[in-house]
Amino acid sequence: MFTDTINGISRIFYQRSLGLLLLRVSTGLIFLSHGWMKVNHLAQVVGMFGHMGFAAWVAYCIAWLEVAGGLALILGVATRFFGVVFGIEMLVATFIVGFGHGLGFEFYLAMVSFAIALMGSGAFSVFPMECGHCGGFLCDGEVCVPQ
């Protein structure tokens, strides 16, 4: 009786696609909001990146990457690509900023971004670019070998 109740309740929450949607949208919103803040304060961001030893063009690229990539994650477009790019960006940020203050938000975003890249867009996306059978990027699903 007790195990049936527990199993029944746990099955309600077994929604992988919905969980991936929540993860993708929340991560996309974080990148979008931080990117939008950078775009609106580019002079200060260029100065901050310059202080860390980066060229000005890097600040522009990061700001617009976070805006475009954040929107892409929210919509489920090129999810794996932006997951990898954001993961790399946040690992670099972890080495530059994070280790001085312990593993924090940057490292967490790197791992979540890599997890999204591994999982793909999921069922709830505007344009899933990976095959639902094999996970291949832009695979048509007819000639692939399901795993």
N, C-alpha and C. Protein backbone atom coordinates (compact mmCIF):
# COMPACT_ATOMS: atom_id res chain seq x y z
N MET A 1 0.83 -1.19 0.00
CA MET A 1 0.00 0.00 0.00
C MET A 1 0.87 1.26 0.00
N PHE A 2 1.80 1.32 0.96
CA PHE A 2 2.66 2.50 1.07
C PHE A 2 3.55 2.65 -0.16
N THR A 3 4.12 1.53 -0.63
CA THR A 3 4.99 1.60 -1.80
C THR A 3 4.21 1.96 -3.06
N ASP A 4 2.96 1.51 -3.15
CA ASP A 4 2.14 1.87 -4.30
C ASP A 4 1.87 3.37 -4.33
N THR A 5 1.63 3.95 -3.16
CA THR A 5 1.40 5.40 -3.07
C THR A 5 2.66 6.16 -3.46
N ILE A 6 3.78 5.74 -2.93
CA ILE A 6 5.06 6.39 -3.25
C ILE A 6 5.35 6.26 -4.74
N ASN A 7 5.17 5.08 -5.29
CA ASN A 7 5.42 4.87 -6.72
C ASN A 7 4.47 5.70 -7.58
N GLY A 8 3.22 5.78 -7.18
CA GLY A 8 2.25 6.58 -7.93
C GLY A 8 2.62 8.06 -7.95
N ILE A 9 3.02 8.57 -6.79
CA ILE A 9 3.43 9.97 -6.70
C ILE A 9 4.70 10.22 -7.50
N SER A 10 5.66 9.31 -7.40
CA SER A 10 6.93 9.52 -8.11
C SER A 10 6.74 9.47 -9.62
N ARG A 11 5.79 8.69 -10.10
CA ARG A 11 5.54 8.62 -11.55
C ARG A 11 4.98 9.93 -12.09
N ILE A 12 4.28 10.67 -11.25
CA ILE A 12 3.75 11.98 -11.68
C ILE A 12 4.90 12.91 -12.04
N PHE A 13 5.99 12.82 -11.30
CA PHE A 13 7.13 13.72 -11.49
C PHE A 13 8.17 13.19 -12.47
N TYR A 14 7.89 12.06 -13.11
CA TYR A 14 8.82 11.50 -14.09
C TYR A 14 8.49 12.08 -15.46
N GLN A 15 8.96 13.28 -15.69
CA GLN A 15 8.70 14.01 -16.92
C GLN A 15 10.02 14.57 -17.44
N ARG A 16 10.81 13.76 -18.11
CA ARG A 16 12.13 14.17 -18.57
C ARG A 16 12.09 15.37 -19.50
N SER A 17 11.18 15.37 -20.44
CA SER A 17 11.11 16.48 -21.40
C SER A 17 10.73 17.78 -20.71
N LEU A 18 9.82 17.71 -19.76
CA LEU A 18 9.44 18.91 -19.01
C LEU A 18 10.59 19.39 -18.13
N GLY A 19 11.31 18.45 -17.52
CA GLY A 19 12.48 18.81 -16.72
C GLY A 19 13.56 19.47 -17.55
N LEU A 20 13.80 18.94 -18.75
CA LEU A 20 14.79 19.54 -19.65
C LEU A 20 14.34 20.92 -20.09
N LEU A 21 13.04 21.09 -20.34
CA LEU A 21 12.52 22.41 -20.70
C LEU A 21 12.79 23.42 -19.59
N LEU A 22 12.50 23.04 -18.35
CA LEU A 22 12.74 23.94 -17.22
C LEU A 22 14.22 24.29 -17.10
N LEU A 23 15.07 23.29 -17.25
CA LEU A 23 16.52 23.51 -17.17
C LEU A 23 17.00 24.42 -18.30
N ARG A 24 16.53 24.15 -19.51
CA ARG A 24 16.93 24.94 -20.68
C ARG A 24 16.46 26.38 -20.59
N VAL A 25 15.20 26.57 -20.22
CA VAL A 25 14.64 27.92 -20.15
C VAL A 25 15.28 28.72 -19.02
N SER A 26 15.45 28.11 -17.86
CA SER A 26 16.04 28.87 -16.74
C SER A 26 17.50 29.23 -17.03
N THR A 27 18.25 28.32 -17.62
CA THR A 27 19.64 28.62 -17.98
C THR A 27 19.70 29.67 -19.08
N GLY A 28 18.82 29.54 -20.06
CA GLY A 28 18.75 30.54 -21.13
C GLY A 28 18.40 31.91 -20.61
N LEU A 29 17.50 31.98 -19.64
CA LEU A 29 17.13 33.28 -19.05
C LEU A 29 18.31 33.91 -18.31
N ILE A 30 19.09 33.09 -17.63
CA ILE A 30 20.28 33.60 -16.93
C ILE A 30 21.26 34.20 -17.94
N PHE A 31 21.56 33.46 -19.01
CA PHE A 31 22.50 33.97 -20.01
C PHE A 31 21.93 35.18 -20.73
N LEU A 32 20.66 35.14 -21.07
CA LEU A 32 20.03 36.27 -21.76
C LEU A 32 20.07 37.53 -20.90
N SER A 33 19.73 37.41 -19.63
CA SER A 33 19.71 38.60 -18.77
C SER A 33 21.12 39.15 -18.54
N HIS A 34 22.10 38.26 -18.34
CA HIS A 34 23.47 38.74 -18.16
C HIS A 34 24.03 39.33 -19.45
N GLY A 35 23.70 38.70 -20.57
CA GLY A 35 24.14 39.24 -21.86
C GLY A 35 23.52 40.59 -22.16
N TRP A 36 22.23 40.73 -21.87
CA TRP A 36 21.54 41.99 -22.12
C TRP A 36 22.13 43.11 -21.25
N MET A 37 22.47 42.77 -20.01
CA MET A 37 23.12 43.74 -19.13
C MET A 37 24.47 44.17 -19.72
N LYS A 38 25.22 43.21 -20.25
CA LYS A 38 26.51 43.53 -20.87
C LYS A 38 26.33 44.41 -22.10
N VAL A 39 25.33 44.09 -22.94
CA VAL A 39 25.08 44.88 -24.15
C VAL A 39 24.72 46.32 -23.78
N ASN A 40 23.95 46.50 -22.73
CA ASN A 40 23.53 47.83 -22.32
C ASN A 40 24.62 48.62 -21.60
N HIS A 41 25.70 47.98 -21.22
CA HIS A 41 26.82 48.65 -20.54
C HIS A 41 28.14 48.23 -21.17
N LEU A 42 28.19 48.28 -22.50
CA LEU A 42 29.36 47.77 -23.21
C LEU A 42 30.66 48.48 -22.85
N ALA A 43 30.61 49.78 -22.63
CA ALA A 43 31.85 50.50 -22.29
C ALA A 43 32.46 49.95 -21.00
N GLN A 44 31.62 49.71 -20.00
CA GLN A 44 32.13 49.17 -18.74
C GLN A 44 32.60 47.73 -18.90
N VAL A 45 31.88 46.96 -19.71
CA VAL A 45 32.25 45.56 -19.93
C VAL A 45 33.58 45.48 -20.68
N VAL A 46 33.77 46.35 -21.68
CA VAL A 46 35.04 46.39 -22.41
C VAL A 46 36.17 46.73 -21.44
N GLY A 47 35.94 47.67 -20.54
CA GLY A 47 36.94 48.03 -19.54
C GLY A 47 37.25 46.88 -18.61
N MET A 48 36.21 46.17 -18.17
CA MET A 48 36.41 45.03 -17.26
C MET A 48 37.20 43.92 -17.97
N PHE A 49 36.83 43.60 -19.21
CA PHE A 49 37.54 42.57 -19.95
C PHE A 49 38.98 43.00 -20.23
N GLY A 50 39.17 44.29 -20.52
CA GLY A 50 40.52 44.80 -20.73
C GLY A 50 41.36 44.67 -19.48
N HIS A 51 40.76 44.90 -18.32
CA HIS A 51 41.47 44.76 -17.05
C HIS A 51 41.92 43.31 -16.82
N MET A 52 41.14 42.37 -17.38
CA MET A 52 41.50 40.95 -17.24
C MET A 52 42.44 40.49 -18.34
N GLY A 53 42.81 41.40 -19.27
CA GLY A 53 43.76 41.06 -20.31
C GLY A 53 43.16 40.67 -21.64
N PHE A 54 41.86 40.85 -21.81
CA PHE A 54 41.21 40.50 -23.08
C PHE A 54 41.07 41.72 -23.96
N ALA A 55 41.04 41.49 -25.27
CA ALA A 55 40.82 42.56 -26.24
C ALA A 55 39.35 43.00 -26.19
N ALA A 56 39.08 44.19 -26.67
CA ALA A 56 37.73 44.74 -26.62
C ALA A 56 36.74 43.88 -27.41
N TRP A 57 37.16 43.30 -28.52
CA TRP A 57 36.24 42.52 -29.34
C TRP A 57 35.71 41.31 -28.59
N VAL A 58 36.47 40.79 -27.61
CA VAL A 58 36.00 39.65 -26.82
C VAL A 58 34.77 40.04 -26.01
N ALA A 59 34.77 41.24 -25.45
CA ALA A 59 33.63 41.71 -24.67
C ALA A 59 32.38 41.80 -25.54
N TYR A 60 32.54 42.32 -26.75
CA TYR A 60 31.40 42.41 -27.67
C TYR A 60 30.87 41.02 -28.02
N CYS A 61 31.79 40.12 -28.32
CA CYS A 61 31.40 38.76 -28.69
C CYS A 61 30.67 38.05 -27.54
N ILE A 62 31.20 38.17 -26.34
CA ILE A 62 30.58 37.51 -25.19
C ILE A 62 29.20 38.10 -24.92
N ALA A 63 29.07 39.42 -24.98
CA ALA A 63 27.78 40.06 -24.71
C ALA A 63 26.72 39.58 -25.69
N TRP A 64 27.04 39.61 -26.97
CA TRP A 64 26.05 39.20 -27.97
C TRP A 64 25.86 37.70 -28.02
N LEU A 65 26.90 36.93 -27.70
CA LEU A 65 26.76 35.48 -27.59
C LEU A 65 25.75 35.13 -26.52
N GLU A 66 25.84 35.79 -25.38
CA GLU A 66 24.93 35.48 -24.28
C GLU A 66 23.49 35.87 -24.62
N VAL A 67 23.31 36.96 -25.35
CA VAL A 67 21.96 37.35 -25.75
C VAL A 67 21.40 36.34 -26.75
N ALA A 68 22.13 36.09 -27.83
CA ALA A 68 21.65 35.19 -28.88
C ALA A 68 21.55 33.75 -28.37
N GLY A 69 22.57 33.31 -27.65
CA GLY A 69 22.57 31.94 -27.13
C GLY A 69 21.52 31.71 -26.07
N GLY A 70 21.29 32.73 -25.23
CA GLY A 70 20.23 32.62 -24.23
C GLY A 70 18.87 32.45 -24.88
N LEU A 71 18.61 33.24 -25.90
CA LEU A 71 17.35 33.10 -26.65
C LEU A 71 17.26 31.73 -27.31
N ALA A 72 18.37 31.26 -27.87
CA ALA A 72 18.37 29.96 -28.52
C ALA A 72 18.07 28.84 -27.53
N LEU A 73 18.65 28.90 -26.34
CA LEU A 73 18.37 27.89 -25.32
C LEU A 73 16.90 27.92 -24.93
N ILE A 74 16.36 29.11 -24.73
CA ILE A 74 14.95 29.24 -24.35
C ILE A 74 14.05 28.60 -25.41
N LEU A 75 14.36 28.85 -26.67
CA LEU A 75 13.53 28.35 -27.77
C LEU A 75 13.85 26.91 -28.15
N GLY A 76 15.01 26.42 -27.75
CA GLY A 76 15.41 25.07 -28.11
C GLY A 76 16.01 24.96 -29.49
N VAL A 77 16.72 25.99 -29.91
CA VAL A 77 17.35 26.03 -31.23
C VAL A 77 18.87 25.94 -31.04
N ALA A 78 19.51 25.04 -31.76
CA ALA A 78 20.97 24.84 -31.66
C ALA A 78 21.41 24.66 -30.21
N THR A 79 20.62 23.89 -29.49
CA THR A 79 20.83 23.72 -28.05
C THR A 79 22.19 23.11 -27.73
N ARG A 80 22.56 22.08 -28.45
CA ARG A 80 23.85 21.43 -28.16
C ARG A 80 25.02 22.36 -28.46
N PHE A 81 24.94 23.08 -29.54
CA PHE A 81 26.01 24.02 -29.89
C PHE A 81 26.18 25.06 -28.78
N PHE A 82 25.10 25.72 -28.41
CA PHE A 82 25.20 26.76 -27.39
C PHE A 82 25.51 26.18 -26.01
N GLY A 83 25.08 24.95 -25.74
CA GLY A 83 25.45 24.31 -24.49
C GLY A 83 26.96 24.15 -24.37
N VAL A 84 27.59 23.69 -25.44
CA VAL A 84 29.05 23.52 -25.43
C VAL A 84 29.75 24.87 -25.33
N VAL A 85 29.30 25.84 -26.13
CA VAL A 85 29.95 27.17 -26.13
C VAL A 85 29.82 27.82 -24.76
N PHE A 86 28.62 27.77 -24.17
CA PHE A 86 28.44 28.35 -22.83
C PHE A 86 29.24 27.59 -21.78
N GLY A 87 29.33 26.27 -21.93
CA GLY A 87 30.13 25.49 -20.99
C GLY A 87 31.59 25.91 -21.02
N ILE A 88 32.13 26.09 -22.22
CA ILE A 88 33.51 26.54 -22.35
C ILE A 88 33.68 27.95 -21.79
N GLU A 89 32.74 28.83 -22.15
CA GLU A 89 32.81 30.21 -21.64
C GLU A 89 32.83 30.23 -20.11
N MET A 90 31.97 29.44 -19.50
CA MET A 90 31.88 29.44 -18.04
C MET A 90 33.06 28.74 -17.38
N LEU A 91 33.68 27.77 -18.07
CA LEU A 91 34.90 27.19 -17.52
C LEU A 91 36.03 28.21 -17.51
N VAL A 92 36.13 28.99 -18.60
CA VAL A 92 37.12 30.06 -18.64
C VAL A 92 36.84 31.06 -17.52
N ALA A 93 35.58 31.42 -17.34
CA ALA A 93 35.22 32.35 -16.26
C ALA A 93 35.55 31.76 -14.89
N THR A 94 35.38 30.44 -14.74
CA THR A 94 35.72 29.78 -13.47
C THR A 94 37.21 29.91 -13.19
N PHE A 95 38.03 29.70 -14.21
CA PHE A 95 39.48 29.78 -14.00
C PHE A 95 39.91 31.22 -13.75
N ILE A 96 39.24 32.18 -14.38
CA ILE A 96 39.64 33.58 -14.23
C ILE A 96 39.10 34.18 -12.95
N VAL A 97 37.84 33.91 -12.66
CA VAL A 97 37.17 34.58 -11.53
C VAL A 97 36.89 33.62 -10.38
N GLY A 98 36.38 32.45 -10.70
CA GLY A 98 35.80 31.56 -9.70
C GLY A 98 36.75 30.96 -8.70
N PHE A 99 37.93 30.53 -9.11
CA PHE A 99 38.81 29.83 -8.19
C PHE A 99 39.28 30.71 -7.05
N GLY A 100 39.31 32.02 -7.28
CA GLY A 100 39.70 32.91 -6.19
C GLY A 100 38.66 32.95 -5.08
N HIS A 101 37.43 32.58 -5.41
CA HIS A 101 36.34 32.60 -4.44
C HIS A 101 35.71 31.22 -4.28
N GLY A 102 36.41 30.17 -4.67
CA GLY A 102 35.86 28.82 -4.62
C GLY A 102 35.03 28.53 -5.86
N LEU A 103 34.59 27.29 -5.98
CA LEU A 103 33.75 26.92 -7.12
C LEU A 103 32.35 27.46 -6.87
N GLY A 104 31.89 28.31 -7.74
CA GLY A 104 30.59 28.94 -7.52
C GLY A 104 29.72 28.91 -8.74
N PHE A 105 29.07 30.02 -8.96
CA PHE A 105 28.06 30.16 -9.99
C PHE A 105 28.60 29.87 -11.39
N GLU A 106 29.81 30.30 -11.69
CA GLU A 106 30.39 30.08 -13.02
C GLU A 106 30.58 28.60 -13.29
N PHE A 107 31.10 27.87 -12.31
CA PHE A 107 31.32 26.44 -12.47
C PHE A 107 29.99 25.71 -12.61
N TYR A 108 29.00 26.10 -11.83
CA TYR A 108 27.67 25.49 -11.92
C TYR A 108 27.07 25.71 -13.31
N LEU A 109 27.16 26.93 -13.83
CA LEU A 109 26.64 27.20 -15.17
C LEU A 109 27.40 26.42 -16.23
N ALA A 110 28.69 26.21 -16.04
CA ALA A 110 29.45 25.40 -16.99
C ALA A 110 28.92 23.97 -17.01
N MET A 111 28.72 23.38 -15.85
CA MET A 111 28.25 22.00 -15.79
C MET A 111 26.82 21.86 -16.30
N VAL A 112 25.95 22.82 -15.98
CA VAL A 112 24.57 22.78 -16.49
C VAL A 112 24.57 22.94 -18.01
N SER A 113 25.42 23.81 -18.53
CA SER A 113 25.50 24.01 -19.97
C SER A 113 25.97 22.75 -20.68
N PHE A 114 26.98 22.08 -20.13
CA PHE A 114 27.44 20.83 -20.71
C PHE A 114 26.36 19.75 -20.62
N ALA A 115 25.62 19.73 -19.51
CA ALA A 115 24.52 18.77 -19.37
C ALA A 115 23.45 19.01 -20.43
N ILE A 116 23.12 20.26 -20.67
CA ILE A 116 22.14 20.59 -21.72
C ILE A 116 22.67 20.15 -23.08
N ALA A 117 23.96 20.36 -23.32
CA ALA A 117 24.56 19.94 -24.59
C ALA A 117 24.45 18.42 -24.76
N LEU A 118 24.62 17.68 -23.69
CA LEU A 118 24.54 16.22 -23.75
C LEU A 118 23.11 15.74 -23.95
N MET A 119 22.14 16.46 -23.40
CA MET A 119 20.74 16.03 -23.47
C MET A 119 20.02 16.52 -24.73
N GLY A 120 20.44 17.63 -25.29
CA GLY A 120 19.79 18.16 -26.49
C GLY A 120 18.60 19.04 -26.17
N SER A 121 17.78 19.27 -27.16
CA SER A 121 16.67 20.20 -27.05
C SER A 121 15.49 19.64 -26.28
N GLY A 122 15.22 18.36 -26.43
CA GLY A 122 14.06 17.77 -25.79
C GLY A 122 12.81 17.94 -26.65
N ALA A 123 11.69 17.47 -26.13
CA ALA A 123 10.44 17.46 -26.89
C ALA A 123 9.85 18.85 -27.06
N PHE A 124 10.10 19.73 -26.11
CA PHE A 124 9.51 21.06 -26.15
C PHE A 124 10.52 22.08 -26.68
N SER A 125 10.65 22.14 -27.99
CA SER A 125 11.54 23.11 -28.59
C SER A 125 10.94 23.58 -29.90
N VAL A 126 11.29 24.80 -30.29
CA VAL A 126 10.77 25.36 -31.52
C VAL A 126 11.34 24.62 -32.73
N PHE A 127 12.63 24.32 -32.70
CA PHE A 127 13.29 23.65 -33.81
C PHE A 127 14.39 22.75 -33.27
N PRO A 128 14.05 21.51 -32.89
CA PRO A 128 15.09 20.60 -32.41
C PRO A 128 16.00 20.20 -33.56
N MET A 129 17.28 20.48 -33.42
CA MET A 129 18.21 20.24 -34.51
C MET A 129 18.90 18.88 -34.40
N GLU A 130 18.56 18.11 -33.37
CA GLU A 130 19.17 16.79 -33.26
C GLU A 130 18.10 15.73 -33.51
N CYS A 131 18.56 14.60 -34.01
CA CYS A 131 17.68 13.48 -34.33
C CYS A 131 17.17 12.85 -33.03
N GLY A 132 15.90 12.54 -32.99
CA GLY A 132 15.32 11.91 -31.81
C GLY A 132 15.73 10.46 -31.65
N HIS A 133 16.27 9.84 -32.71
CA HIS A 133 16.68 8.44 -32.65
C HIS A 133 18.14 8.26 -32.27
N CYS A 134 19.02 8.99 -32.98
CA CYS A 134 20.46 8.78 -32.78
C CYS A 134 21.16 9.96 -32.14
N GLY A 135 20.48 11.13 -32.05
CA GLY A 135 21.10 12.31 -31.47
C GLY A 135 21.97 13.09 -32.44
N GLY A 136 22.06 12.64 -33.69
CA GLY A 136 22.88 13.33 -34.68
C GLY A 136 22.36 14.72 -34.98
N PHE A 137 23.28 15.62 -35.26
CA PHE A 137 22.94 17.01 -35.55
C PHE A 137 22.39 17.10 -36.97
N LEU A 138 21.17 17.54 -37.12
CA LEU A 138 20.48 17.69 -38.40
C LEU A 138 20.32 16.37 -39.15
N CYS A 139 20.26 15.26 -38.43
CA CYS A 139 20.00 13.96 -39.04
C CYS A 139 18.53 13.90 -39.44
N ASP A 140 18.24 13.30 -40.59
CA ASP A 140 16.85 13.25 -41.04
C ASP A 140 16.05 12.14 -40.36
N GLY A 141 16.71 11.25 -39.64
CA GLY A 141 16.02 10.20 -38.90
C GLY A 141 15.68 8.99 -39.74
N GLU A 142 15.87 9.04 -41.05
CA GLU A 142 15.50 7.92 -41.91
C GLU A 142 16.68 6.97 -42.14
N VAL A 143 17.88 7.49 -42.15
CA VAL A 143 19.03 6.65 -42.45
C VAL A 143 19.89 6.39 -41.22
N CYS A 144 19.51 6.93 -40.08
CA CYS A 144 20.32 6.76 -38.89
C CYS A 144 20.06 5.40 -38.25
N VAL A 145 20.99 5.01 -37.42
CA VAL A 145 20.86 3.76 -36.69
C VAL A 145 20.52 4.10 -35.24
N PRO A 146 19.29 3.79 -34.78
CA PRO A 146 18.94 4.10 -33.39
C PRO A 146 19.86 3.38 -32.42
N GLN A 147 20.19 4.04 -31.34
CA GLN A 147 21.09 3.45 -30.35
C GLN A 147 20.32 2.77 -29.26
